[in-house]
PDB file of N, CA and C in Angstrom:
ATOM      1  N   GLY A   1     -16.090  -0.799  19.017  1.00  0.00           N
ATOM      2  CA  GLY A   1     -17.462  -1.148  18.863  1.00  0.00           C
ATOM      3  C   GLY A   1     -17.693  -2.005  17.639  1.00  0.00           C
ATOM      4  N   ALA A   2     -18.939  -2.133  17.255  1.00  0.00           N
ATOM      5  CA  ALA A   2     -19.307  -2.972  16.113  1.00  0.00           C
ATOM      6  C   ALA A   2     -18.731  -2.433  14.815  1.00  0.00           C
ATOM      7  N   ALA A   3     -18.613  -1.114  14.690  1.00  0.00           N
ATOM      8  CA  ALA A   3     -18.071  -0.550  13.455  1.00  0.00           C
ATOM      9  C   ALA A   3     -16.622  -0.945  13.254  1.00  0.00           C
ATOM     10  N   ALA A   4     -15.866  -1.073  14.321  1.00  0.00           N
ATOM     11  CA  ALA A   4     -14.464  -1.464  14.217  1.00  0.00           C
ATOM     12  C   ALA A   4     -14.302  -2.954  13.983  1.00  0.00           C
ATOM     13  N   ALA A   5     -15.341  -3.724  14.198  1.00  0.00           N
ATOM     14  CA  ALA A   5     -15.246  -5.179  14.086  1.00  0.00           C
ATOM     15  C   ALA A   5     -15.184  -5.651  12.646  1.00  0.00           C
ATOM     16  N   HIS A   6     -15.633  -4.841  11.699  1.00  0.00           N
ATOM     17  CA  HIS A   6     -15.582  -5.268  10.305  1.00  0.00           C
ATOM     18  C   HIS A   6     -14.636  -4.373   9.525  1.00  0.00           C
ATOM     19  N   ALA A   7     -13.995  -4.970   8.515  1.00  0.00           N
ATOM     20  CA  ALA A   7     -12.974  -4.248   7.769  1.00  0.00           C
ATOM     21  C   ALA A   7     -13.502  -3.599   6.504  1.00  0.00           C
ATOM     22  N   GLY A   8     -14.626  -4.070   5.966  1.00  0.00           N
ATOM     23  CA  GLY A   8     -15.117  -3.568   4.684  1.00  0.00           C
ATOM     24  C   GLY A   8     -16.332  -2.691   4.842  1.00  0.00           C
ATOM     25  N   ALA A   9     -16.788  -2.199   3.717  1.00  0.00           N
ATOM     26  CA  ALA A   9     -17.979  -1.361   3.700  1.00  0.00           C
ATOM     27  C   ALA A   9     -19.225  -2.227   3.602  1.00  0.00           C
ATOM     28  N   GLN A  10     -20.348  -1.658   3.990  1.00  0.00           N
ATOM     29  CA  GLN A  10     -21.610  -2.375   3.874  1.00  0.00           C
ATOM     30  C   GLN A  10     -22.037  -2.383   2.416  1.00  0.00           C
ATOM     31  N   SER A  11     -22.617  -3.483   1.996  1.00  0.00           N
ATOM     32  CA  SER A  11     -23.034  -3.659   0.607  1.00  0.00           C
ATOM     33  C   SER A  11     -24.523  -3.409   0.470  1.00  0.00           C
ATOM     34  N   SER A  12     -24.902  -2.852  -0.672  1.00  0.00           N
ATOM     35  CA  SER A  12     -26.326  -2.661  -0.926  1.00  0.00           C
ATOM     36  C   SER A  12     -26.980  -3.962  -1.362  1.00  0.00           C
ATOM     37  N   GLY A  13     -26.186  -4.904  -1.926  1.00  0.00           N
ATOM     38  CA  GLY A  13     -26.704  -6.211  -2.310  1.00  0.00           C
ATOM     39  C   GLY A  13     -27.469  -6.183  -3.621  1.00  0.00           C
ATOM     40  N   GLY A  14     -28.061  -7.305  -3.964  1.00  0.00           N
ATOM     41  CA  GLY A  14     -28.807  -7.441  -5.207  1.00  0.00           C
ATOM     42  C   GLY A  14     -30.297  -7.336  -4.982  1.00  0.00           C
ATOM     43  N   ILE A  15     -31.044  -7.856  -5.936  1.00  0.00           N
ATOM     44  CA  ILE A  15     -32.505  -7.743  -5.880  1.00  0.00           C
ATOM     45  C   ILE A  15     -33.089  -8.496  -4.686  1.00  0.00           C
ATOM     46  N   GLY A  16     -32.508  -9.639  -4.330  1.00  0.00           N
ATOM     47  CA  GLY A  16     -33.006 -10.393  -3.181  1.00  0.00           C
ATOM     48  C   GLY A  16     -32.835  -9.628  -1.883  1.00  0.00           C
ATOM     49  N   VAL A  17     -31.687  -8.980  -1.731  1.00  0.00           N
ATOM     50  CA  VAL A  17     -31.432  -8.173  -0.533  1.00  0.00           C
ATOM     51  C   VAL A  17     -32.368  -6.970  -0.518  1.00  0.00           C
ATOM     52  N   ARG A  18     -32.564  -6.352  -1.661  1.00  0.00           N
ATOM     53  CA  ARG A  18     -33.488  -5.214  -1.731  1.00  0.00           C
ATOM     54  C   ARG A  18     -34.904  -5.640  -1.367  1.00  0.00           C
ATOM     55  N   ASN A  19     -35.347  -6.781  -1.888  1.00  0.00           N
ATOM     56  CA  ASN A  19     -36.680  -7.293  -1.554  1.00  0.00           C
ATOM     57  C   ASN A  19     -36.810  -7.566  -0.063  1.00  0.00           C
ATOM     58  N   LEU A  20     -35.767  -8.142   0.538  1.00  0.00           N
ATOM     59  CA  LEU A  20     -35.788  -8.413   1.978  1.00  0.00           C
ATOM     60  C   LEU A  20     -35.910  -7.118   2.764  1.00  0.00           C
ATOM     61  N   ARG A  21     -35.132  -6.116   2.390  1.00  0.00           N
ATOM     62  CA  ARG A  21     -35.196  -4.831   3.098  1.00  0.00           C
ATOM     63  C   ARG A  21     -36.569  -4.182   2.953  1.00  0.00           C
ATOM     64  N   GLU A  22     -37.151  -4.260   1.764  1.00  0.00           N
ATOM     65  CA  GLU A  22     -38.491  -3.696   1.555  1.00  0.00           C
ATOM     66  C   GLU A  22     -39.536  -4.420   2.389  1.00  0.00           C
ATOM     67  N   ARG A  23     -39.425  -5.734   2.473  1.00  0.00           N
ATOM     68  CA  ARG A  23     -40.379  -6.512   3.271  1.00  0.00           C
ATOM     69  C   ARG A  23     -40.232  -6.186   4.755  1.00  0.00           C
ATOM     70  N   LEU A  24     -38.986  -6.085   5.228  1.00  0.00           N
ATOM     71  CA  LEU A  24     -38.757  -5.718   6.627  1.00  0.00           C
ATOM     72  C   LEU A  24     -39.337  -4.340   6.922  1.00  0.00           C
ATOM     73  N   ALA A  25     -39.139  -3.391   6.012  1.00  0.00           N
ATOM     74  CA  ALA A  25     -39.675  -2.042   6.205  1.00  0.00           C
ATOM     75  C   ALA A  25     -41.196  -2.057   6.239  1.00  0.00           C
ATOM     76  N   ALA A  26     -41.811  -2.872   5.383  1.00  0.00           N
ATOM     77  CA  ALA A  26     -43.275  -2.956   5.359  1.00  0.00           C
ATOM     78  C   ALA A  26     -43.816  -3.555   6.648  1.00  0.00           C
ATOM     79  N   LEU A  27     -43.111  -4.547   7.189  1.00  0.00           N
ATOM     80  CA  LEU A  27     -43.584  -5.229   8.393  1.00  0.00           C
ATOM     81  C   LEU A  27     -43.239  -4.490   9.684  1.00  0.00           C
ATOM     82  N   TYR A  28     -42.037  -3.893   9.750  1.00  0.00           N
ATOM     83  CA  TYR A  28     -41.527  -3.344  11.007  1.00  0.00           C
ATOM     84  C   TYR A  28     -41.180  -1.866  10.953  1.00  0.00           C
ATOM     85  N   GLY A  29     -41.310  -1.231   9.801  1.00  0.00           N
ATOM     86  CA  GLY A  29     -40.933   0.175   9.685  1.00  0.00           C
ATOM     87  C   GLY A  29     -39.432   0.358   9.836  1.00  0.00           C
ATOM     88  N   ALA A  30     -39.052   1.512  10.343  1.00  0.00           N
ATOM     89  CA  ALA A  30     -37.635   1.842  10.483  1.00  0.00           C
ATOM     90  C   ALA A  30     -36.953   1.045  11.590  1.00  0.00           C
ATOM     91  N   GLY A  31     -37.722   0.284  12.365  1.00  0.00           N
ATOM     92  CA  GLY A  31     -37.152  -0.483  13.472  1.00  0.00           C
ATOM     93  C   GLY A  31     -36.395  -1.722  13.056  1.00  0.00           C
ATOM     94  N   ALA A  32     -36.448  -2.098  11.779  1.00  0.00           N
ATOM     95  CA  ALA A  32     -35.765  -3.303  11.303  1.00  0.00           C
ATOM     96  C   ALA A  32     -34.697  -2.918  10.289  1.00  0.00           C
ATOM     97  N   THR A  33     -33.552  -3.596  10.366  1.00  0.00           N
ATOM     98  CA  THR A  33     -32.480  -3.365   9.400  1.00  0.00           C
ATOM     99  C   THR A  33     -31.874  -4.691   8.976  1.00  0.00           C
ATOM    100  N   PHE A  34     -31.288  -4.694   7.783  1.00  0.00           N
ATOM    101  CA  PHE A  34     -30.536  -5.841   7.284  1.00  0.00           C
ATOM    102  C   PHE A  34     -29.308  -5.297   6.583  1.00  0.00           C
ATOM    103  N   ASP A  35     -28.130  -5.758   6.996  1.00  0.00           N
ATOM    104  CA  ASP A  35     -26.876  -5.293   6.417  1.00  0.00           C
ATOM    105  C   ASP A  35     -25.988  -6.465   6.068  1.00  0.00           C
ATOM    106  N   LEU A  36     -25.276  -6.336   4.956  1.00  0.00           N
ATOM    107  CA  LEU A  36     -24.226  -7.268   4.574  1.00  0.00           C
ATOM    108  C   LEU A  36     -22.909  -6.543   4.765  1.00  0.00           C
ATOM    109  N   ILE A  37     -21.990  -7.149   5.506  1.00  0.00           N
ATOM    110  CA  ILE A  37     -20.725  -6.506   5.842  1.00  0.00           C
ATOM    111  C   ILE A  37     -19.587  -7.387   5.370  1.00  0.00           C
ATOM    112  N   GLN A  38     -18.733  -6.833   4.507  1.00  0.00           N
ATOM    113  CA  GLN A  38     -17.582  -7.585   4.005  1.00  0.00           C
ATOM    114  C   GLN A  38     -16.523  -7.649   5.093  1.00  0.00           C
ATOM    115  N   LEU A  39     -16.022  -8.859   5.341  1.00  0.00           N
ATOM    116  CA  LEU A  39     -14.997  -9.079   6.345  1.00  0.00           C
ATOM    117  C   LEU A  39     -13.641  -9.250   5.671  1.00  0.00           C
ATOM    118  N   ALA A  40     -12.587  -8.850   6.363  1.00  0.00           N
ATOM    119  CA  ALA A  40     -11.232  -9.048   5.836  1.00  0.00           C
ATOM    120  C   ALA A  40     -10.601 -10.222   6.556  1.00  0.00           C
ATOM    121  N   PRO A  41      -9.852 -11.064   5.926  1.00  0.00           N
ATOM    122  CA  PRO A  41      -9.482 -10.964   4.517  1.00  0.00           C
ATOM    123  C   PRO A  41     -10.526 -11.553   3.582  1.00  0.00           C
ATOM    124  N   ALA A  42     -11.486 -12.294   4.095  1.00  0.00           N
ATOM    125  CA  ALA A  42     -12.521 -12.882   3.237  1.00  0.00           C
ATOM    126  C   ALA A  42     -13.767 -13.137   4.065  1.00  0.00           C
ATOM    127  N   GLY A  43     -14.894 -13.175   3.399  1.00  0.00           N
ATOM    128  CA  GLY A  43     -16.149 -13.512   4.068  1.00  0.00           C
ATOM    129  C   GLY A  43     -17.110 -12.337   4.118  1.00  0.00           C
ATOM    130  N   VAL A  44     -18.315 -12.657   4.505  1.00  0.00           N
ATOM    131  CA  VAL A  44     -19.378 -11.662   4.629  1.00  0.00           C
ATOM    132  C   VAL A  44     -20.179 -11.991   5.874  1.00  0.00           C
ATOM    133  N   ARG A  45     -20.568 -10.961   6.608  1.00  0.00           N
ATOM    134  CA  ARG A  45     -21.436 -11.145   7.768  1.00  0.00           C
ATOM    135  C   ARG A  45     -22.778 -10.496   7.443  1.00  0.00           C
ATOM    136  N   ALA A  46     -23.852 -11.230   7.697  1.00  0.00           N
ATOM    137  CA  ALA A  46     -25.201 -10.699   7.524  1.00  0.00           C
ATOM    138  C   ALA A  46     -25.745 -10.358   8.906  1.00  0.00           C
ATOM    139  N   GLU A  47     -26.239  -9.139   9.070  1.00  0.00           N
ATOM    140  CA  GLU A  47     -26.826  -8.702  10.340  1.00  0.00           C
ATOM    141  C   GLU A  47     -28.261  -8.267  10.099  1.00  0.00           C
ATOM    142  N   MET A  48     -29.185  -8.858  10.857  1.00  0.00           N
ATOM    143  CA  MET A  48     -30.591  -8.479  10.789  1.00  0.00           C
ATOM    144  C   MET A  48     -31.012  -8.044  12.185  1.00  0.00           C
ATOM    145  N   ARG A  49     -31.613  -6.881  12.272  1.00  0.00           N
ATOM    146  CA  ARG A  49     -32.104  -6.369  13.555  1.00  0.00           C
ATOM    147  C   ARG A  49     -33.608  -6.157  13.441  1.00  0.00           C
ATOM    148  N   LEU A  50     -34.319  -6.739  14.395  1.00  0.00           N
ATOM    149  CA  LEU A  50     -35.777  -6.644  14.423  1.00  0.00           C
ATOM    150  C   LEU A  50     -36.204  -6.034  15.747  1.00  0.00           C
ATOM    151  N   PRO A  51     -37.245  -5.218  15.750  1.00  0.00           N
ATOM    152  CA  PRO A  51     -37.722  -4.644  17.002  1.00  0.00           C
ATOM    153  C   PRO A  51     -38.380  -5.718  17.873  1.00  0.00           C
ATOM    154  N   CYS A  52     -38.255  -5.546  19.169  1.00  0.00           N
ATOM    155  CA  CYS A  52     -38.906  -6.455  20.121  1.00  0.00           C
ATOM    156  C   CYS A  52     -40.384  -6.087  20.236  1.00  0.00           C
ATOM    157  N   ALA A  53     -41.193  -7.104  20.417  1.00  0.00           N
ATOM    158  CA  ALA A  53     -42.618  -6.856  20.652  1.00  0.00           C
ATOM    159  C   ALA A  53     -42.779  -6.250  22.036  1.00  0.00           C
ATOM    160  N   SER A  54     -43.654  -5.269  22.171  1.00  0.00           N
ATOM    161  CA  SER A  54     -43.836  -4.639  23.481  1.00  0.00           C
ATOM    162  C   SER A  54     -45.096  -5.098  24.150  1.00  0.00           C
TER     163      SER A  54
END
């Protein structure tokens, strides 16, 4: 699955990432997430999940 696709741990990030997560939470509640995932041997993947409008 997706957990096996990345080799590193998820990062909490800096102030910009924290601000983004707070803004997503304010706009979408728990339905939105943003994660930074370290890839091996190098690189980072950013994943943002937003709820669909119903």
